[in-house]
């Protein structure tokens, strides 16, 4: 059970840590190392700043929302099902949901960048 708990807490904890780092200015300049790096977000400083801000907020929110239900689900399955196989499957499903939430965030940010980048296309 301990391994499954660590696994389901790891991704939301990373979301919170990265979201906090991005919102606290770790990505104030366009770079190829850290931050939300896509061709659209790196086109100009305005789109870069907007994408970093949105990604930070979404990650912080997602991490906070996902962490408690993830822990609860694994613990409850372990208590009531008593099977490590069922707990592992539950952890896998939770990881899938956590990953899908990140894919949704990326799609949302890219969609908004696509709509707005022509307004911001000044370096």
N, C-alpha and C. Protein backbone atom coordinates (compact mmCIF):
# COMPACT_ATOMS: atom_id res chain seq x y z
N UNK A 1 0.81 -1.20 0.00
CA UNK A 1 0.00 0.00 0.00
C UNK A 1 0.86 1.26 0.00
N UNK A 2 1.98 1.25 0.69
CA UNK A 2 2.82 2.43 0.80
C UNK A 2 3.31 2.89 -0.58
N UNK A 3 3.71 1.93 -1.40
CA UNK A 3 4.18 2.27 -2.75
C UNK A 3 3.08 2.95 -3.55
N UNK A 4 1.87 2.39 -3.50
CA UNK A 4 0.75 2.97 -4.25
C UNK A 4 0.42 4.37 -3.75
N UNK A 5 0.50 4.61 -2.44
CA UNK A 5 0.26 5.94 -1.89
C UNK A 5 1.30 6.94 -2.40
N UNK A 6 2.55 6.52 -2.40
CA UNK A 6 3.62 7.41 -2.89
C UNK A 6 3.38 7.74 -4.36
N UNK A 7 3.02 6.76 -5.14
CA UNK A 7 2.80 6.97 -6.57
C UNK A 7 1.66 7.94 -6.82
N UNK A 8 0.53 7.78 -6.12
CA UNK A 8 -0.62 8.66 -6.39
C UNK A 8 -0.44 10.05 -5.81
N UNK A 9 0.44 10.22 -4.83
CA UNK A 9 0.71 11.54 -4.26
C UNK A 9 1.79 12.28 -5.06
N UNK A 10 2.66 11.54 -5.72
CA UNK A 10 3.79 12.14 -6.42
C UNK A 10 3.39 13.16 -7.49
N UNK A 11 2.48 12.80 -8.36
CA UNK A 11 2.09 13.70 -9.44
C UNK A 11 1.40 14.97 -8.94
N UNK A 12 0.39 14.86 -8.07
CA UNK A 12 -0.20 16.10 -7.54
C UNK A 12 0.81 16.97 -6.78
N UNK A 13 1.73 16.32 -6.05
CA UNK A 13 2.75 17.08 -5.32
C UNK A 13 3.67 17.81 -6.30
N UNK A 14 4.01 17.15 -7.41
CA UNK A 14 4.81 17.82 -8.45
C UNK A 14 4.04 18.98 -9.08
N UNK A 15 2.75 18.77 -9.34
CA UNK A 15 1.92 19.85 -9.87
C UNK A 15 1.97 21.06 -8.95
N UNK A 16 1.82 20.83 -7.65
CA UNK A 16 1.84 21.93 -6.68
C UNK A 16 3.21 22.61 -6.65
N UNK A 17 4.27 21.82 -6.62
CA UNK A 17 5.63 22.38 -6.57
C UNK A 17 5.95 23.18 -7.83
N UNK A 18 5.65 22.63 -8.98
CA UNK A 18 5.95 23.33 -10.24
C UNK A 18 5.06 24.55 -10.39
N UNK A 19 3.78 24.42 -10.06
CA UNK A 19 2.87 25.56 -10.13
C UNK A 19 3.33 26.70 -9.25
N UNK A 20 3.77 26.39 -8.05
CA UNK A 20 4.28 27.41 -7.12
C UNK A 20 5.55 28.05 -7.67
N UNK A 21 6.45 27.25 -8.18
CA UNK A 21 7.70 27.78 -8.74
C UNK A 21 7.43 28.71 -9.91
N UNK A 22 6.55 28.31 -10.80
CA UNK A 22 6.24 29.12 -11.98
C UNK A 22 5.57 30.43 -11.56
N UNK A 23 4.65 30.37 -10.63
CA UNK A 23 3.95 31.58 -10.18
C UNK A 23 4.86 32.51 -9.39
N UNK A 24 5.95 31.98 -8.82
CA UNK A 24 6.89 32.82 -8.07
C UNK A 24 8.03 33.35 -8.92
N UNK A 25 7.90 33.27 -10.24
CA UNK A 25 8.83 33.95 -11.12
C UNK A 25 10.02 33.16 -11.62
N UNK A 26 10.02 31.85 -11.52
CA UNK A 26 11.14 31.07 -12.02
C UNK A 26 11.24 31.11 -13.54
N UNK A 27 10.19 31.57 -14.19
CA UNK A 27 10.16 31.56 -15.66
C UNK A 27 9.86 32.94 -16.22
N UNK A 28 10.48 33.97 -15.66
CA UNK A 28 10.16 35.32 -16.10
C UNK A 28 10.71 35.66 -17.48
N UNK A 29 11.72 34.95 -17.95
CA UNK A 29 12.27 35.19 -19.30
C UNK A 29 12.06 33.94 -20.15
N UNK A 30 11.86 34.15 -21.44
CA UNK A 30 11.72 33.02 -22.36
C UNK A 30 13.02 32.22 -22.36
N UNK A 31 12.90 30.91 -22.16
CA UNK A 31 14.07 30.05 -22.13
C UNK A 31 13.70 28.66 -22.62
N UNK A 32 14.70 27.84 -22.83
CA UNK A 32 14.48 26.48 -23.33
C UNK A 32 14.67 25.43 -22.24
N UNK A 33 14.71 25.85 -20.97
CA UNK A 33 15.01 24.93 -19.88
C UNK A 33 13.80 24.68 -18.97
N UNK A 34 13.18 25.74 -18.51
CA UNK A 34 12.09 25.57 -17.53
C UNK A 34 10.89 26.42 -17.93
N UNK A 35 9.71 25.89 -17.64
CA UNK A 35 8.48 26.62 -17.93
C UNK A 35 7.63 25.89 -18.96
N UNK A 36 6.55 26.54 -19.31
CA UNK A 36 5.64 25.99 -20.32
C UNK A 36 6.23 26.36 -21.69
N UNK A 37 6.94 25.42 -22.30
CA UNK A 37 7.71 25.69 -23.52
C UNK A 37 7.08 25.04 -24.73
N UNK A 38 6.33 25.82 -25.48
CA UNK A 38 5.81 25.37 -26.77
C UNK A 38 6.12 26.48 -27.77
N UNK A 39 6.09 26.18 -29.05
CA UNK A 39 6.37 27.24 -30.02
C UNK A 39 5.45 28.46 -29.85
N UNK A 40 4.19 28.22 -29.55
CA UNK A 40 3.26 29.35 -29.37
C UNK A 40 3.59 30.17 -28.12
N UNK A 41 3.93 29.49 -27.04
CA UNK A 41 4.21 30.23 -25.81
C UNK A 41 5.53 30.99 -25.90
N UNK A 42 6.46 30.52 -26.74
CA UNK A 42 7.77 31.15 -26.85
C UNK A 42 7.84 32.18 -27.96
N UNK A 43 6.72 32.44 -28.60
CA UNK A 43 6.70 33.37 -29.73
C UNK A 43 7.04 34.80 -29.32
N UNK A 44 6.51 35.26 -28.20
CA UNK A 44 6.81 36.60 -27.70
C UNK A 44 6.69 36.61 -26.18
N UNK A 45 7.21 37.64 -25.56
CA UNK A 45 7.23 37.70 -24.10
C UNK A 45 5.83 37.76 -23.50
N UNK A 46 4.90 38.37 -24.20
CA UNK A 46 3.54 38.47 -23.66
C UNK A 46 2.85 37.10 -23.63
N UNK A 47 2.98 36.34 -24.71
CA UNK A 47 2.38 35.01 -24.72
C UNK A 47 3.10 34.10 -23.73
N UNK A 48 4.42 34.26 -23.61
CA UNK A 48 5.20 33.48 -22.65
C UNK A 48 4.71 33.75 -21.22
N UNK A 49 4.60 35.01 -20.86
CA UNK A 49 4.18 35.37 -19.51
C UNK A 49 2.77 34.87 -19.22
N UNK A 50 1.88 35.02 -20.19
CA UNK A 50 0.50 34.57 -20.01
C UNK A 50 0.46 33.05 -19.82
N UNK A 51 1.18 32.31 -20.67
CA UNK A 51 1.18 30.85 -20.59
C UNK A 51 1.77 30.37 -19.27
N UNK A 52 2.84 31.02 -18.79
CA UNK A 52 3.43 30.64 -17.51
C UNK A 52 2.45 30.86 -16.37
N UNK A 53 1.79 31.99 -16.40
CA UNK A 53 0.82 32.32 -15.36
C UNK A 53 -0.33 31.31 -15.34
N UNK A 54 -0.87 31.02 -16.52
CA UNK A 54 -1.99 30.07 -16.60
C UNK A 54 -1.55 28.67 -16.17
N UNK A 55 -0.40 28.24 -16.65
CA UNK A 55 0.08 26.90 -16.30
C UNK A 55 0.31 26.79 -14.80
N UNK A 56 0.91 27.81 -14.21
CA UNK A 56 1.14 27.80 -12.77
C UNK A 56 -0.15 27.71 -11.98
N UNK A 57 -1.14 28.51 -12.37
CA UNK A 57 -2.43 28.49 -11.68
C UNK A 57 -3.13 27.14 -11.84
N UNK A 58 -3.15 26.64 -13.08
CA UNK A 58 -3.81 25.35 -13.33
C UNK A 58 -3.13 24.21 -12.57
N UNK A 59 -1.80 24.20 -12.57
CA UNK A 59 -1.09 23.12 -11.89
C UNK A 59 -1.32 23.18 -10.38
N UNK A 60 -1.28 24.36 -9.83
CA UNK A 60 -1.53 24.51 -8.40
C UNK A 60 -2.93 24.04 -8.04
N UNK A 61 -3.90 24.45 -8.83
CA UNK A 61 -5.29 24.07 -8.60
C UNK A 61 -5.47 22.56 -8.77
N UNK A 62 -4.96 22.02 -9.87
CA UNK A 62 -5.08 20.57 -10.13
C UNK A 62 -4.43 19.75 -9.01
N UNK A 63 -3.23 20.14 -8.62
CA UNK A 63 -2.53 19.40 -7.56
C UNK A 63 -3.31 19.41 -6.26
N UNK A 64 -3.83 20.57 -5.90
CA UNK A 64 -4.59 20.68 -4.65
C UNK A 64 -5.89 19.88 -4.72
N UNK A 65 -6.54 19.89 -5.86
CA UNK A 65 -7.80 19.16 -6.02
C UNK A 65 -7.57 17.65 -6.08
N UNK A 66 -6.50 17.21 -6.69
CA UNK A 66 -6.27 15.78 -6.92
C UNK A 66 -5.66 15.03 -5.74
N UNK A 67 -4.91 15.71 -4.89
CA UNK A 67 -4.11 14.99 -3.90
C UNK A 67 -4.96 14.27 -2.84
N UNK A 68 -5.95 14.92 -2.28
CA UNK A 68 -6.75 14.30 -1.21
C UNK A 68 -7.61 13.13 -1.73
N UNK A 69 -8.38 13.32 -2.82
CA UNK A 69 -9.16 12.18 -3.32
C UNK A 69 -8.28 11.00 -3.76
N UNK A 70 -7.10 11.29 -4.25
CA UNK A 70 -6.19 10.22 -4.68
C UNK A 70 -5.77 9.37 -3.49
N UNK A 71 -5.38 10.03 -2.42
CA UNK A 71 -4.99 9.30 -1.20
C UNK A 71 -6.18 8.51 -0.65
N UNK A 72 -7.32 9.20 -0.59
CA UNK A 72 -8.53 8.55 -0.03
C UNK A 72 -8.92 7.31 -0.82
N UNK A 73 -8.86 7.40 -2.14
CA UNK A 73 -9.25 6.25 -2.97
C UNK A 73 -8.35 5.05 -2.72
N UNK A 74 -7.05 5.26 -2.67
CA UNK A 74 -6.13 4.14 -2.45
C UNK A 74 -6.33 3.54 -1.06
N UNK A 75 -6.47 4.39 -0.05
CA UNK A 75 -6.66 3.89 1.32
C UNK A 75 -7.97 3.13 1.45
N UNK A 76 -9.05 3.68 0.89
CA UNK A 76 -10.35 3.02 1.00
C UNK A 76 -10.37 1.67 0.27
N UNK A 77 -9.77 1.62 -0.90
CA UNK A 77 -9.71 0.33 -1.62
C UNK A 77 -8.89 -0.68 -0.82
N UNK A 78 -7.80 -0.23 -0.25
CA UNK A 78 -6.96 -1.14 0.56
C UNK A 78 -7.74 -1.65 1.78
N UNK A 79 -8.47 -0.76 2.43
CA UNK A 79 -9.21 -1.15 3.63
C UNK A 79 -10.36 -2.10 3.28
N UNK A 80 -11.15 -1.73 2.27
CA UNK A 80 -12.37 -2.50 2.00
C UNK A 80 -12.17 -3.68 1.06
N UNK A 81 -11.23 -3.56 0.13
CA UNK A 81 -11.01 -4.67 -0.80
C UNK A 81 -9.95 -5.62 -0.26
N UNK A 82 -8.97 -5.06 0.45
CA UNK A 82 -7.95 -5.89 1.07
C UNK A 82 -7.02 -6.58 0.09
N UNK A 83 -7.05 -6.19 -1.15
CA UNK A 83 -6.23 -6.85 -2.17
C UNK A 83 -5.22 -5.85 -2.72
N UNK A 84 -3.96 -6.26 -2.75
CA UNK A 84 -2.94 -5.37 -3.29
C UNK A 84 -3.11 -5.20 -4.80
N UNK A 85 -3.68 -6.21 -5.45
CA UNK A 85 -3.93 -6.10 -6.89
C UNK A 85 -4.98 -5.02 -7.17
N UNK A 86 -6.05 -5.02 -6.41
CA UNK A 86 -7.09 -4.00 -6.59
C UNK A 86 -6.57 -2.62 -6.24
N UNK A 87 -5.73 -2.52 -5.22
CA UNK A 87 -5.13 -1.24 -4.85
C UNK A 87 -4.22 -0.73 -5.96
N UNK A 88 -3.46 -1.63 -6.56
CA UNK A 88 -2.57 -1.24 -7.67
C UNK A 88 -3.37 -0.78 -8.88
N UNK A 89 -4.45 -1.46 -9.19
CA UNK A 89 -5.30 -1.06 -10.31
C UNK A 89 -5.93 0.31 -10.03
N UNK A 90 -6.37 0.51 -8.80
CA UNK A 90 -6.92 1.81 -8.40
C UNK A 90 -5.87 2.91 -8.58
N UNK A 91 -4.65 2.65 -8.13
CA UNK A 91 -3.57 3.63 -8.27
C UNK A 91 -3.30 3.93 -9.74
N UNK A 92 -3.36 2.93 -10.58
CA UNK A 92 -3.15 3.12 -12.01
C UNK A 92 -4.25 3.99 -12.63
N UNK A 93 -5.49 3.74 -12.24
CA UNK A 93 -6.61 4.55 -12.73
C UNK A 93 -6.45 6.00 -12.26
N UNK A 94 -6.05 6.18 -11.01
CA UNK A 94 -5.84 7.53 -10.48
C UNK A 94 -4.74 8.24 -11.26
N UNK A 95 -3.65 7.56 -11.54
CA UNK A 95 -2.56 8.15 -12.33
C UNK A 95 -3.04 8.56 -13.72
N UNK A 96 -3.89 7.75 -14.31
CA UNK A 96 -4.45 8.07 -15.62
C UNK A 96 -5.29 9.35 -15.53
N UNK A 97 -6.12 9.45 -14.52
CA UNK A 97 -6.93 10.66 -14.34
C UNK A 97 -6.04 11.88 -14.11
N UNK A 98 -5.01 11.74 -13.30
CA UNK A 98 -4.09 12.84 -13.04
C UNK A 98 -3.37 13.28 -14.32
N UNK A 99 -2.99 12.33 -15.13
CA UNK A 99 -2.31 12.63 -16.40
C UNK A 99 -3.27 13.30 -17.38
N UNK A 100 -4.49 12.80 -17.44
CA UNK A 100 -5.49 13.41 -18.32
C UNK A 100 -5.79 14.85 -17.92
N UNK A 101 -5.74 15.14 -16.63
CA UNK A 101 -5.97 16.53 -16.20
C UNK A 101 -4.86 17.44 -16.73
N UNK A 102 -3.63 16.95 -16.76
CA UNK A 102 -2.52 17.74 -17.30
C UNK A 102 -2.68 17.93 -18.81
N UNK A 103 -3.08 16.88 -19.51
CA UNK A 103 -3.30 16.99 -20.96
C UNK A 103 -4.40 18.00 -21.25
N UNK A 104 -5.46 18.00 -20.46
CA UNK A 104 -6.54 18.97 -20.62
C UNK A 104 -6.02 20.39 -20.42
N UNK A 105 -5.20 20.60 -19.41
CA UNK A 105 -4.63 21.93 -19.14
C UNK A 105 -3.79 22.40 -20.32
N UNK A 106 -2.95 21.55 -20.83
CA UNK A 106 -2.10 21.90 -21.97
C UNK A 106 -2.95 22.25 -23.19
N UNK A 107 -3.97 21.45 -23.46
CA UNK A 107 -4.87 21.71 -24.59
C UNK A 107 -5.58 23.05 -24.42
N UNK A 108 -6.02 23.35 -23.22
CA UNK A 108 -6.71 24.62 -22.95
C UNK A 108 -5.78 25.81 -23.16
N UNK A 109 -4.59 25.73 -22.64
CA UNK A 109 -3.63 26.83 -22.80
C UNK A 109 -3.26 27.01 -24.27
N UNK A 110 -2.99 25.92 -24.97
CA UNK A 110 -2.64 26.02 -26.39
C UNK A 110 -3.80 26.59 -27.21
N UNK A 111 -5.00 26.20 -26.90
CA UNK A 111 -6.17 26.72 -27.60
C UNK A 111 -6.28 28.24 -27.41
N UNK A 112 -6.10 28.69 -26.17
CA UNK A 112 -6.17 30.12 -25.90
C UNK A 112 -5.01 30.88 -26.55
N UNK A 113 -3.83 30.28 -26.55
CA UNK A 113 -2.68 30.91 -27.22
C UNK A 113 -2.93 31.03 -28.72
N UNK A 114 -3.53 30.01 -29.30
CA UNK A 114 -3.82 30.02 -30.74
C UNK A 114 -4.79 31.16 -31.08
N UNK A 115 -5.78 31.36 -30.23
CA UNK A 115 -6.76 32.42 -30.47
C UNK A 115 -6.15 33.81 -30.31
N UNK A 116 -5.25 33.96 -29.36
CA UNK A 116 -4.77 35.28 -28.98
C UNK A 116 -3.38 35.65 -29.48
N UNK A 117 -2.61 34.71 -30.02
CA UNK A 117 -1.20 35.01 -30.30
C UNK A 117 -1.03 36.10 -31.36
N UNK A 118 -1.96 36.25 -32.29
CA UNK A 118 -1.80 37.29 -33.32
C UNK A 118 -1.85 38.69 -32.69
N UNK A 119 -2.49 38.83 -31.56
CA UNK A 119 -2.53 40.12 -30.86
C UNK A 119 -1.22 40.40 -30.12
N UNK A 120 -0.53 39.34 -29.74
CA UNK A 120 0.65 39.49 -28.90
C UNK A 120 1.96 39.34 -29.67
N UNK A 121 1.90 39.17 -30.95
CA UNK A 121 3.08 38.79 -31.73
C UNK A 121 4.06 39.94 -31.91
N UNK A 122 4.55 40.45 -30.79
CA UNK A 122 5.56 41.52 -30.80
C UNK A 122 6.62 41.12 -29.79
N UNK A 123 7.88 41.04 -30.23
CA UNK A 123 8.97 40.64 -29.31
C UNK A 123 9.50 41.79 -28.53
